[in-house]
Amino acid sequence: MAPRDESLSEADVVADSLIIAAAMTGLIEPQRGVIELAFYEGLTHDQIARRLDLPLGTVKSHVRRGLQRLRAALEVTDAPH
């Protein structure tokens, strides 16, 4: 997990977590599951491939596509109001 930015308030951290959780619900399976294993459980791509019995390249593709979708969803969220 990434180190916490000490300049963020607890409210900012909670708000960021809620925004990311909402964006995660927009991912399709297995992208969501692979992203969760990588970022919430800290597994490597190789560990995910073994756990899910998927080829390593497939796991890497799911991570890449999932992150692209999250980035797109978060860019809309970060638009000025």
C-alpha atoms as a PDB file:
ATOM      1  CA  MET A   1       0.000   0.000   0.000  1.00  0.00           C
ATOM      2  CA  ALA A   2       1.263   3.515  -0.783  1.00  0.00           C
ATOM      3  CA  PRO A   3       2.420   5.693   2.109  1.00  0.00           C
ATOM      4  CA  ARG A   4      -0.227   8.047   3.372  1.00  0.00           C
ATOM      5  CA  ASP A   5       0.143  11.729   2.489  1.00  0.00           C
ATOM      6  CA  GLU A   6       0.343  13.439   5.882  1.00  0.00           C
ATOM      7  CA  SER A   7      -1.015  16.691   4.396  1.00  0.00           C
ATOM      8  CA  LEU A   8      -4.399  15.045   3.802  1.00  0.00           C
ATOM      9  CA  SER A   9      -7.058  15.314   6.476  1.00  0.00           C
ATOM     10  CA  GLU A  10      -8.919  12.235   7.642  1.00  0.00           C
ATOM     11  CA  ALA A  11     -11.979  13.529   5.752  1.00  0.00           C
ATOM     12  CA  ASP A  12      -9.918  13.747   2.552  1.00  0.00           C
ATOM     13  CA  VAL A  13      -8.694  10.189   3.007  1.00  0.00           C
ATOM     14  CA  VAL A  14     -12.246   8.921   3.557  1.00  0.00           C
ATOM     15  CA  ALA A  15     -13.542  10.896   0.555  1.00  0.00           C
ATOM     16  CA  ASP A  16     -10.752   9.518  -1.651  1.00  0.00           C
ATOM     17  CA  SER A  17     -11.506   5.988  -0.476  1.00  0.00           C
ATOM     18  CA  LEU A  18     -15.201   6.406  -1.309  1.00  0.00           C
ATOM     19  CA  ILE A  19     -14.418   7.808  -4.756  1.00  0.00           C
ATOM     20  CA  ILE A  20     -12.062   4.927  -5.522  1.00  0.00           C
ATOM     21  CA  ALA A  21     -14.549   2.356  -4.209  1.00  0.00           C
ATOM     22  CA  ALA A  22     -17.255   3.816  -6.448  1.00  0.00           C
ATOM     23  CA  ALA A  23     -14.921   3.739  -9.457  1.00  0.00           C
ATOM     24  CA  MET A  24     -14.010   0.120  -8.665  1.00  0.00           C
ATOM     25  CA  THR A  25     -17.670  -0.901  -8.931  1.00  0.00           C
ATOM     26  CA  GLY A  26     -17.560   0.259 -12.545  1.00  0.00           C
ATOM     27  CA  LEU A  27     -14.928  -2.336 -13.428  1.00  0.00           C
ATOM     28  CA  ILE A  28     -15.931  -5.629 -14.964  1.00  0.00           C
ATOM     29  CA  GLU A  29     -14.752  -8.969 -13.648  1.00  0.00           C
ATOM     30  CA  PRO A  30     -12.072 -10.200 -13.726  1.00  0.00           C
ATOM     31  CA  GLN A  31     -10.475  -6.715 -13.900  1.00  0.00           C
ATOM     32  CA  ARG A  32     -11.932  -5.700 -10.537  1.00  0.00           C
ATOM     33  CA  GLY A  33     -10.772  -8.898  -8.836  1.00  0.00           C
ATOM     34  CA  VAL A  34      -7.271  -8.648 -10.250  1.00  0.00           C
ATOM     35  CA  ILE A  35      -6.953  -4.971  -9.218  1.00  0.00           C
ATOM     36  CA  GLU A  36      -8.186  -5.823  -5.705  1.00  0.00           C
ATOM     37  CA  LEU A  37      -5.653  -8.635  -5.366  1.00  0.00           C
ATOM     38  CA  ALA A  38      -2.835  -6.403  -6.600  1.00  0.00           C
ATOM     39  CA  PHE A  39      -3.577  -3.236  -4.658  1.00  0.00           C
ATOM     40  CA  TYR A  40      -5.573  -4.281  -1.612  1.00  0.00           C
ATOM     41  CA  GLU A  41      -3.864  -7.614  -0.919  1.00  0.00           C
ATOM     42  CA  GLY A  42      -0.467  -6.605  -2.302  1.00  0.00           C
ATOM     43  CA  LEU A  43      -0.021  -9.659  -4.517  1.00  0.00           C
ATOM     44  CA  THR A  44       2.388  -9.642  -7.452  1.00  0.00           C
ATOM     45  CA  HIS A  45       1.156 -10.363 -10.949  1.00  0.00           C
ATOM     46  CA  ASP A  46       2.741 -13.802 -10.754  1.00  0.00           C
ATOM     47  CA  GLN A  47       0.988 -14.563  -7.448  1.00  0.00           C
ATOM     48  CA  ILE A  48      -2.346 -13.433  -8.901  1.00  0.00           C
ATOM     49  CA  ALA A  49      -1.830 -15.616 -11.971  1.00  0.00           C
ATOM     50  CA  ARG A  50      -1.183 -18.651  -9.777  1.00  0.00           C
ATOM     51  CA  ARG A  51      -4.085 -17.915  -7.430  1.00  0.00           C
ATOM     52  CA  LEU A  52      -6.588 -17.425 -10.257  1.00  0.00           C
ATOM     53  CA  ASP A  53      -5.048 -20.039 -12.535  1.00  0.00           C
ATOM     54  CA  LEU A  54      -4.634 -17.503 -15.343  1.00  0.00           C
ATOM     55  CA  PRO A  55      -1.717 -16.911 -17.697  1.00  0.00           C
ATOM     56  CA  LEU A  56       0.606 -14.136 -16.482  1.00  0.00           C
ATOM     57  CA  GLY A  57       0.000 -12.091 -19.644  1.00  0.00           C
ATOM     58  CA  THR A  58      -3.744 -12.212 -19.042  1.00  0.00           C
ATOM     59  CA  VAL A  59      -3.295 -10.901 -15.496  1.00  0.00           C
ATOM     60  CA  LYS A  60      -1.090  -8.070 -16.760  1.00  0.00           C
ATOM     61  CA  SER A  61      -3.689  -7.186 -19.395  1.00  0.00           C
ATOM     62  CA  HIS A  62      -6.484  -7.129 -16.799  1.00  0.00           C
ATOM     63  CA  VAL A  63      -4.405  -4.862 -14.541  1.00  0.00           C
ATOM     64  CA  ARG A  64      -3.561  -2.492 -17.402  1.00  0.00           C
ATOM     65  CA  ARG A  65      -7.142  -2.276 -18.683  1.00  0.00           C
ATOM     66  CA  GLY A  66      -8.546  -1.952 -15.170  1.00  0.00           C
ATOM     67  CA  LEU A  67      -6.183   0.894 -14.338  1.00  0.00           C
ATOM     68  CA  GLN A  68      -7.062   2.636 -17.606  1.00  0.00           C
ATOM     69  CA  ARG A  69     -10.763   2.418 -16.745  1.00  0.00           C
ATOM     70  CA  LEU A  70     -10.157   3.668 -13.200  1.00  0.00           C
ATOM     71  CA  ARG A  71      -8.070   6.560 -14.497  1.00  0.00           C
ATOM     72  CA  ALA A  72     -10.846   7.530 -16.930  1.00  0.00           C
ATOM     73  CA  ALA A  73     -13.489   7.313 -14.190  1.00  0.00           C
ATOM     74  CA  LEU A  74     -11.400   9.363 -11.763  1.00  0.00           C
ATOM     75  CA  GLU A  75     -10.616  12.048 -14.349  1.00  0.00           C
ATOM     76  CA  VAL A  76     -14.361  12.741 -14.620  1.00  0.00           C
ATOM     77  CA  THR A  77     -14.618  12.829 -10.812  1.00  0.00           C
ATOM     78  CA  ASP A  78     -11.744  15.314 -10.550  1.00  0.00           C
ATOM     79  CA  ALA A  79     -13.328  17.775 -13.001  1.00  0.00           C
ATOM     80  CA  PRO A  80     -13.877  21.279 -11.571  1.00  0.00           C
ATOM     81  CA  HIS A  81     -17.400  21.959 -10.321  1.00  0.00           C
END
